[in-house]
PDB file of all heavy atoms in Angstrom:
ATOM      1  N   ASP A   1      -1.088   0.987   1.112  1.00  0.00           N
ATOM      2  CA  ASP A   1      -0.860   0.141  -0.055  1.00  0.00           C
ATOM      3  C   ASP A   1       0.592  -0.330  -0.114  1.00  0.00           C
ATOM      4  O   ASP A   1       0.862  -1.509  -0.367  1.00  0.00           O
ATOM      5  CB  ASP A   1      -1.214   0.896  -1.340  1.00  0.00           C
ATOM      6  CG  ASP A   1      -2.707   1.119  -1.515  1.00  0.00           C
ATOM      7  OD1 ASP A   1      -3.485   0.388  -0.869  1.00  0.00           O
ATOM      8  OD2 ASP A   1      -3.084   2.019  -2.284  1.00  0.00           O
ATOM      9  N   LEU A   2       1.519   0.574   0.128  1.00  0.00           N
ATOM     10  CA  LEU A   2       2.925   0.197   0.119  1.00  0.00           C
ATOM     11  C   LEU A   2       3.228  -0.769   1.255  1.00  0.00           C
ATOM     12  O   LEU A   2       3.978  -1.737   1.073  1.00  0.00           O
ATOM     13  CB  LEU A   2       3.810   1.443   0.236  1.00  0.00           C
ATOM     14  CG  LEU A   2       5.322   1.201   0.314  1.00  0.00           C
ATOM     15  CD1 LEU A   2       5.832   0.388  -0.866  1.00  0.00           C
ATOM     16  CD2 LEU A   2       6.073   2.535   0.413  1.00  0.00           C
ATOM     17  N   LEU A   3       2.645  -0.535   2.413  1.00  0.00           N
ATOM     18  CA  LEU A   3       2.884  -1.426   3.545  1.00  0.00           C
ATOM     19  C   LEU A   3       2.404  -2.841   3.243  1.00  0.00           C
ATOM     20  O   LEU A   3       3.110  -3.822   3.511  1.00  0.00           O
ATOM     21  CB  LEU A   3       2.183  -0.888   4.788  1.00  0.00           C
ATOM     22  CG  LEU A   3       2.508  -1.620   6.082  1.00  0.00           C
ATOM     23  CD1 LEU A   3       3.964  -1.419   6.483  1.00  0.00           C
ATOM     24  CD2 LEU A   3       1.586  -1.147   7.205  1.00  0.00           C
ATOM     25  N   TYR A   4       1.219  -2.981   2.670  1.00  0.00           N
ATOM     26  CA  TYR A   4       0.715  -4.307   2.314  1.00  0.00           C
ATOM     27  C   TYR A   4       1.616  -4.964   1.263  1.00  0.00           C
ATOM     28  O   TYR A   4       1.838  -6.183   1.294  1.00  0.00           O
ATOM     29  CB  TYR A   4      -0.710  -4.199   1.785  1.00  0.00           C
ATOM     30  CG  TYR A   4      -1.770  -4.029   2.855  1.00  0.00           C
ATOM     31  CD1 TYR A   4      -3.058  -3.630   2.517  1.00  0.00           C
ATOM     32  CD2 TYR A   4      -1.497  -4.285   4.195  1.00  0.00           C
ATOM     33  CE1 TYR A   4      -4.045  -3.475   3.485  1.00  0.00           C
ATOM     34  CE2 TYR A   4      -2.475  -4.130   5.162  1.00  0.00           C
ATOM     35  CZ  TYR A   4      -3.753  -3.728   4.796  1.00  0.00           C
ATOM     36  OH  TYR A   4      -4.729  -3.589   5.754  1.00  0.00           O
ATOM     37  N   GLU A   5       2.114  -4.154   0.320  1.00  0.00           N
ATOM     38  CA  GLU A   5       3.029  -4.694  -0.696  1.00  0.00           C
ATOM     39  C   GLU A   5       4.304  -5.220  -0.042  1.00  0.00           C
ATOM     40  O   GLU A   5       4.790  -6.318  -0.386  1.00  0.00           O
ATOM     41  CB  GLU A   5       3.366  -3.604  -1.705  1.00  0.00           C
ATOM     42  CG  GLU A   5       4.332  -4.038  -2.797  1.00  0.00           C
ATOM     43  CD  GLU A   5       4.680  -2.911  -3.744  1.00  0.00           C
ATOM     44  OE1 GLU A   5       3.856  -1.993  -3.913  1.00  0.00           O
ATOM     45  OE2 GLU A   5       5.800  -2.945  -4.299  1.00  0.00           O
ATOM     46  N   LEU A   6       4.844  -4.472   0.912  1.00  0.00           N
ATOM     47  CA  LEU A   6       6.042  -4.927   1.619  1.00  0.00           C
ATOM     48  C   LEU A   6       5.752  -6.196   2.419  1.00  0.00           C
ATOM     49  O   LEU A   6       6.605  -7.078   2.524  1.00  0.00           O
ATOM     50  CB  LEU A   6       6.552  -3.820   2.543  1.00  0.00           C
ATOM     51  CG  LEU A   6       7.016  -2.531   1.870  1.00  0.00           C
ATOM     52  CD1 LEU A   6       7.412  -1.501   2.912  1.00  0.00           C
ATOM     53  CD2 LEU A   6       8.174  -2.803   0.918  1.00  0.00           C
ATOM     54  N   GLY A   7       4.566  -6.275   2.968  1.00  0.00           N
ATOM     55  CA  GLY A   7       4.182  -7.491   3.673  1.00  0.00           C
ATOM     56  C   GLY A   7       4.155  -8.691   2.750  1.00  0.00           C
ATOM     57  O   GLY A   7       4.656  -9.774   3.101  1.00  0.00           O
ATOM     58  N   ARG A   8       3.571  -8.522   1.573  1.00  0.00           N
ATOM     59  CA  ARG A   8       3.524  -9.640   0.621  1.00  0.00           C
ATOM     60  C   ARG A   8       4.924 -10.073   0.218  1.00  0.00           C
ATOM     61  O   ARG A   8       5.187 -11.276   0.053  1.00  0.00           O
ATOM     62  CB  ARG A   8       2.704  -9.241  -0.607  1.00  0.00           C
ATOM     63  CG  ARG A   8       1.199  -9.138  -0.321  1.00  0.00           C
ATOM     64  CD  ARG A   8       0.403  -8.993  -1.604  1.00  0.00           C
ATOM     65  NE  ARG A   8       0.661  -7.716  -2.279  1.00  0.00           N
ATOM     66  CZ  ARG A   8      -0.011  -6.600  -2.055  1.00  0.00           C
ATOM     67  NH1 ARG A   8      -0.983  -6.579  -1.149  1.00  0.00           N
ATOM     68  NH2 ARG A   8       0.259  -5.494  -2.728  1.00  0.00           N
ATOM     69  N   GLU A   9       5.836  -9.107   0.047  1.00  0.00           N
ATOM     70  CA  GLU A   9       7.224  -9.457  -0.271  1.00  0.00           C
ATOM     71  C   GLU A   9       7.839 -10.332   0.819  1.00  0.00           C
ATOM     72  O   GLU A   9       8.699 -11.175   0.544  1.00  0.00           O
ATOM     73  CB  GLU A   9       8.066  -8.184  -0.417  1.00  0.00           C
ATOM     74  CG  GLU A   9       7.764  -7.367  -1.657  1.00  0.00           C
ATOM     75  CD  GLU A   9       8.587  -6.099  -1.697  1.00  0.00           C
ATOM     76  OE1 GLU A   9       9.450  -5.909  -0.795  1.00  0.00           O
ATOM     77  OE2 GLU A   9       8.389  -5.289  -2.624  1.00  0.00           O
ATOM     78  N   ALA A  10       7.399 -10.135   2.059  1.00  0.00           N
ATOM     79  CA  ALA A  10       7.918 -10.895   3.196  1.00  0.00           C
ATOM     80  C   ALA A  10       7.111 -12.152   3.474  1.00  0.00           C
ATOM     81  O   ALA A  10       7.355 -12.832   4.479  1.00  0.00           O
ATOM     82  CB  ALA A  10       7.949 -10.007   4.434  1.00  0.00           C
ATOM     83  N   GLY A  11       6.144 -12.466   2.601  1.00  0.00           N
ATOM     84  CA  GLY A  11       5.313 -13.654   2.806  1.00  0.00           C
ATOM     85  C   GLY A  11       4.215 -13.460   3.822  1.00  0.00           C
ATOM     86  O   GLY A  11       3.725 -14.438   4.404  1.00  0.00           O
ATOM     87  N   LEU A  12       3.782 -12.221   4.033  1.00  0.00           N
ATOM     88  CA  LEU A  12       2.771 -11.899   5.030  1.00  0.00           C
ATOM     89  C   LEU A  12       1.550 -11.268   4.367  1.00  0.00           C
ATOM     90  O   LEU A  12       1.666 -10.563   3.373  1.00  0.00           O
ATOM     91  CB  LEU A  12       3.327 -10.924   6.065  1.00  0.00           C
ATOM     92  CG  LEU A  12       4.551 -11.383   6.864  1.00  0.00           C
ATOM     93  CD1 LEU A  12       5.142 -10.212   7.635  1.00  0.00           C
ATOM     94  CD2 LEU A  12       4.178 -12.517   7.813  1.00  0.00           C
ATOM     95  N   THR A  13       0.392 -11.524   4.954  1.00  0.00           N
ATOM     96  CA  THR A  13      -0.846 -10.892   4.515  1.00  0.00           C
ATOM     97  C   THR A  13      -1.309  -9.940   5.594  1.00  0.00           C
ATOM     98  O   THR A  13      -1.519 -10.336   6.745  1.00  0.00           O
ATOM     99  CB  THR A  13      -1.939 -11.940   4.250  1.00  0.00           C
ATOM    100  OG1 THR A  13      -1.493 -12.842   3.236  1.00  0.00           O
ATOM    101  CG2 THR A  13      -3.223 -11.270   3.796  1.00  0.00           C
ATOM    102  N   GLY A  14      -1.453  -8.672   5.234  1.00  0.00           N
ATOM    103  CA  GLY A  14      -1.856  -7.668   6.204  1.00  0.00           C
ATOM    104  C   GLY A  14      -3.337  -7.382   6.143  1.00  0.00           C
ATOM    105  O   GLY A  14      -3.975  -7.501   5.091  1.00  0.00           O
ATOM    106  N   GLY A  15      -3.910  -6.989   7.275  1.00  0.00           N
ATOM    107  CA  GLY A  15      -5.316  -6.627   7.334  1.00  0.00           C
ATOM    108  C   GLY A  15      -5.601  -5.801   8.571  1.00  0.00           C
ATOM    109  O   GLY A  15      -4.777  -5.706   9.486  1.00  0.00           O
ATOM    110  N   VAL A  16      -6.766  -5.180   8.598  1.00  0.00           N
ATOM    111  CA  VAL A  16      -7.163  -4.342   9.726  1.00  0.00           C
ATOM    112  C   VAL A  16      -7.681  -5.237  10.847  1.00  0.00           C
ATOM    113  O   VAL A  16      -8.637  -5.991  10.673  1.00  0.00           O
ATOM    114  CB  VAL A  16      -8.244  -3.333   9.302  1.00  0.00           C
ATOM    115  CG1 VAL A  16      -8.777  -2.581  10.514  1.00  0.00           C
ATOM    116  CG2 VAL A  16      -7.678  -2.354   8.275  1.00  0.00           C
ATOM    117  N   HIS A  17      -7.035  -5.154  12.007  1.00  0.00           N
ATOM    118  CA  HIS A  17      -7.513  -5.858  13.198  1.00  0.00           C
ATOM    119  C   HIS A  17      -8.615  -5.067  13.880  1.00  0.00           C
ATOM    120  O   HIS A  17      -9.635  -5.624  14.277  1.00  0.00           O
ATOM    121  CB  HIS A  17      -6.342  -6.100  14.155  1.00  0.00           C
ATOM    122  CG  HIS A  17      -6.720  -6.816  15.411  1.00  0.00           C
ATOM    123  ND1 HIS A  17      -6.939  -8.175  15.448  1.00  0.00           N
ATOM    124  CD2 HIS A  17      -6.936  -6.362  16.680  1.00  0.00           C
ATOM    125  CE1 HIS A  17      -7.247  -8.539  16.673  1.00  0.00           C
ATOM    126  NE2 HIS A  17      -7.269  -7.459  17.442  1.00  0.00           N
ATOM    127  N   ARG A  18      -8.422  -3.766  14.024  1.00  0.00           N
ATOM    128  CA  ARG A  18      -9.446  -2.879  14.585  1.00  0.00           C
ATOM    129  C   ARG A  18      -9.119  -1.454  14.144  1.00  0.00           C
ATOM    130  O   ARG A  18      -7.943  -1.096  14.012  1.00  0.00           O
ATOM    131  CB  ARG A  18      -9.460  -2.972  16.102  1.00  0.00           C
ATOM    132  CG  ARG A  18     -10.693  -2.343  16.763  1.00  0.00           C
ATOM    133  CD  ARG A  18     -11.931  -3.216  16.608  1.00  0.00           C
ATOM    134  NE  ARG A  18     -11.773  -4.471  17.292  1.00  0.00           N
ATOM    135  CZ  ARG A  18     -11.996  -4.669  18.599  1.00  0.00           C
ATOM    136  NH1 ARG A  18     -12.364  -3.658  19.364  1.00  0.00           N
ATOM    137  NH2 ARG A  18     -11.867  -5.865  19.126  1.00  0.00           N
ATOM    138  N   GLN A  19     -10.167  -0.664  13.953  1.00  0.00           N
ATOM    139  CA  GLN A  19      -9.966   0.704  13.472  1.00  0.00           C
ATOM    140  C   GLN A  19     -11.009   1.641  14.054  1.00  0.00           C
ATOM    141  O   GLN A  19     -12.182   1.275  14.184  1.00  0.00           O
ATOM    142  CB  GLN A  19     -10.041   0.754  11.944  1.00  0.00           C
ATOM    143  CG  GLN A  19      -9.778   2.113  11.326  1.00  0.00           C
ATOM    144  CD  GLN A  19      -9.875   2.074   9.803  1.00  0.00           C
ATOM    145  OE1 GLN A  19     -10.964   1.919   9.252  1.00  0.00           O
ATOM    146  NE2 GLN A  19      -8.737   2.213   9.131  1.00  0.00           N
ATOM    147  N   GLU A  20     -10.555   2.836  14.441  1.00  0.00           N
ATOM    148  CA  GLU A  20     -11.448   3.925  14.835  1.00  0.00           C
ATOM    149  C   GLU A  20     -11.266   5.062  13.829  1.00  0.00           C
ATOM    150  O   GLU A  20     -10.130   5.452  13.522  1.00  0.00           O
ATOM    151  CB  GLU A  20     -11.107   4.431  16.238  1.00  0.00           C
ATOM    152  CG  GLU A  20     -11.453   3.470  17.361  1.00  0.00           C
ATOM    153  CD  GLU A  20     -12.935   3.468  17.697  1.00  0.00           C
ATOM    154  OE1 GLU A  20     -13.628   4.448  17.330  1.00  0.00           O
ATOM    155  OE2 GLU A  20     -13.392   2.491  18.315  1.00  0.00           O
ATOM    156  N   THR A  21     -12.354   5.591  13.312  1.00  0.00           N
ATOM    157  CA  THR A  21     -12.286   6.714  12.383  1.00  0.00           C
ATOM    158  C   THR A  21     -13.074   7.893  12.939  1.00  0.00           C
ATOM    159  O   THR A  21     -14.018   7.715  13.717  1.00  0.00           O
ATOM    160  CB  THR A  21     -12.847   6.340  11.004  1.00  0.00           C
ATOM    161  OG1 THR A  21     -14.227   5.982  11.131  1.00  0.00           O
ATOM    162  CG2 THR A  21     -12.077   5.170  10.397  1.00  0.00           C
ATOM    163  N   TYR A  22     -12.657   9.072  12.552  1.00  0.00           N
ATOM    164  CA  TYR A  22     -13.343  10.275  13.012  1.00  0.00           C
ATOM    165  C   TYR A  22     -13.117  11.382  11.995  1.00  0.00           C
ATOM    166  O   TYR A  22     -12.077  11.436  11.341  1.00  0.00           O
ATOM    167  CB  TYR A  22     -12.857  10.690  14.404  1.00  0.00           C
ATOM    168  CG  TYR A  22     -11.361  10.716  14.567  1.00  0.00           C
ATOM    169  CD1 TYR A  22     -10.650  11.906  14.482  1.00  0.00           C
ATOM    170  CD2 TYR A  22     -10.648   9.537  14.808  1.00  0.00           C
ATOM    171  CE1 TYR A  22      -9.281  11.933  14.620  1.00  0.00           C
ATOM    172  CE2 TYR A  22      -9.272   9.554  14.955  1.00  0.00           C
ATOM    173  CZ  TYR A  22      -8.597  10.751  14.856  1.00  0.00           C
ATOM    174  OH  TYR A  22      -7.233  10.774  14.989  1.00  0.00           O
ATOM    175  N   ASP A  23     -14.123  12.242  11.859  1.00  0.00           N
ATOM    176  CA  ASP A  23     -14.065  13.360  10.927  1.00  0.00           C
ATOM    177  C   ASP A  23     -13.757  14.641  11.695  1.00  0.00           C
ATOM    178  O   ASP A  23     -14.365  14.923  12.738  1.00  0.00           O
ATOM    179  CB  ASP A  23     -15.399  13.525  10.190  1.00  0.00           C
ATOM    180  CG  ASP A  23     -15.683  12.360   9.262  1.00  0.00           C
ATOM    181  OD1 ASP A  23     -14.724  11.810   8.703  1.00  0.00           O
ATOM    182  OD2 ASP A  23     -16.864  11.998   9.121  1.00  0.00           O
ATOM    183  N   VAL A  24     -12.813  15.420  11.168  1.00  0.00           N
ATOM    184  CA  VAL A  24     -12.474  16.713  11.780  1.00  0.00           C
ATOM    185  C   VAL A  24     -12.379  17.763  10.677  1.00  0.00           C
ATOM    186  O   VAL A  24     -11.965  17.453   9.552  1.00  0.00           O
ATOM    187  CB  VAL A  24     -11.146  16.645  12.559  1.00  0.00           C
ATOM    188  CG1 VAL A  24     -11.231  15.666  13.715  1.00  0.00           C
ATOM    189  CG2 VAL A  24      -9.991  16.287  11.646  1.00  0.00           C
ATOM    190  N   PRO A  25     -12.769  19.010  10.967  1.00  0.00           N
ATOM    191  CA  PRO A  25     -12.567  20.080   9.976  1.00  0.00           C
ATOM    192  C   PRO A  25     -11.078  20.215   9.667  1.00  0.00           C
ATOM    193  O   PRO A  25     -10.246  20.226  10.575  1.00  0.00           O
ATOM    194  CB  PRO A  25     -13.110  21.324  10.686  1.00  0.00           C
ATOM    195  CG  PRO A  25     -14.026  20.810  11.753  1.00  0.00           C
ATOM    196  CD  PRO A  25     -13.435  19.502  12.186  1.00  0.00           C
ATOM    197  N   TYR A  26     -10.748  20.316   8.403  1.00  0.00           N
ATOM    198  CA  TYR A  26      -9.333  20.330   8.041  1.00  0.00           C
ATOM    199  C   TYR A  26      -8.600  21.496   8.679  1.00  0.00           C
ATOM    200  O   TYR A  26      -7.401  21.408   8.974  1.00  0.00           O
ATOM    201  CB  TYR A  26      -9.162  20.326   6.519  1.00  0.00           C
ATOM    202  CG  TYR A  26      -9.354  21.648   5.831  1.00  0.00           C
ATOM    203  CD1 TYR A  26      -8.303  22.564   5.729  1.00  0.00           C
ATOM    204  CD2 TYR A  26     -10.572  21.981   5.247  1.00  0.00           C
ATOM    205  CE1 TYR A  26      -8.477  23.785   5.093  1.00  0.00           C
ATOM    206  CE2 TYR A  26     -10.753  23.196   4.612  1.00  0.00           C
ATOM    207  CZ  TYR A  26      -9.703  24.097   4.528  1.00  0.00           C
ATOM    208  OH  TYR A  26      -9.870  25.301   3.891  1.00  0.00           O
ATOM    209  N   GLU A  27      -9.305  22.623   8.945  1.00  0.00           N
ATOM    210  CA  GLU A  27      -8.644  23.776   9.546  1.00  0.00           C
ATOM    211  C   GLU A  27      -8.105  23.467  10.944  1.00  0.00           C
ATOM    212  O   GLU A  27      -7.170  24.128  11.407  1.00  0.00           O
ATOM    213  CB  GLU A  27      -9.601  24.975   9.634  1.00  0.00           C
ATOM    214  CG  GLU A  27     -10.090  25.498   8.296  1.00  0.00           C
ATOM    215  CD  GLU A  27     -11.438  24.897   7.930  1.00  0.00           C
ATOM    216  OE1 GLU A  27     -11.758  23.806   8.440  1.00  0.00           O
ATOM    217  OE2 GLU A  27     -12.154  25.530   7.135  1.00  0.00           O
ATOM    218  N   GLN A  28      -8.702  22.476  11.608  1.00  0.00           N
ATOM    219  CA  GLN A  28      -8.207  22.104  12.932  1.00  0.00           C
ATOM    220  C   GLN A  28      -6.880  21.358  12.838  1.00  0.00           C
ATOM    221  O   GLN A  28      -6.149  21.275  13.820  1.00  0.00           O
ATOM    222  CB  GLN A  28      -9.234  21.241  13.667  1.00  0.00           C
ATOM    223  CG  GLN A  28     -10.485  21.988  14.083  1.00  0.00           C
ATOM    224  CD  GLN A  28     -11.415  21.121  14.913  1.00  0.00           C
ATOM    225  OE1 GLN A  28     -11.049  20.042  15.377  1.00  0.00           O
ATOM    226  NE2 GLN A  28     -12.633  21.598  15.107  1.00  0.00           N
ATOM    227  N   VAL A  29      -6.596  20.799  11.681  1.00  0.00           N
ATOM    228  CA  VAL A  29      -5.357  20.061  11.477  1.00  0.00           C
ATOM    229  C   VAL A  29      -4.294  20.968  10.870  1.00  0.00           C
ATOM    230  O   VAL A  29      -3.131  20.975  11.276  1.00  0.00           O
ATOM    231  CB  VAL A  29      -5.597  18.834  10.584  1.00  0.00           C
ATOM    232  CG1 VAL A  29      -4.328  18.011  10.445  1.00  0.00           C
ATOM    233  CG2 VAL A  29      -6.727  17.984  11.150  1.00  0.00           C
ATOM    234  N   GLY A  30      -4.670  21.757   9.876  1.00  0.00           N
ATOM    235  CA  GLY A  30      -3.762  22.681   9.208  1.00  0.00           C
ATOM    236  C   GLY A  30      -4.514  23.454   8.151  1.00  0.00           C
ATOM    237  O   GLY A  30      -5.572  23.025   7.677  1.00  0.00           O
ATOM    238  N   THR A  31      -3.950  24.586   7.745  1.00  0.00           N
ATOM    239  CA  THR A  31      -4.684  25.471   6.841  1.00  0.00           C
ATOM    240  C   THR A  31      -4.130  25.494   5.424  1.00  0.00           C
ATOM    241  O   THR A  31      -4.715  26.129   4.548  1.00  0.00           O
ATOM    242  CB  THR A  31      -4.679  26.912   7.389  1.00  0.00           C
ATOM    243  OG1 THR A  31      -3.318  27.341   7.581  1.00  0.00           O
ATOM    244  CG2 THR A  31      -5.426  26.985   8.718  1.00  0.00           C
ATOM    245  N   GLY A  32      -3.040  24.809   5.170  1.00  0.00           N
ATOM    246  CA  GLY A  32      -2.447  24.818   3.847  1.00  0.00           C
ATOM    247  C   GLY A  32      -3.183  23.923   2.866  1.00  0.00           C
ATOM    248  O   GLY A  32      -4.078  23.149   3.242  1.00  0.00           O
TER     249      GLY A  32
END
């Protein structure tokens, strides 16, 4: 959201060109 806002300030419109998503158990990333 902040990145898109900064883009608008610069006269730019941001959008997703391509995206890969994946689900992982949070414990594999960190336990806190």
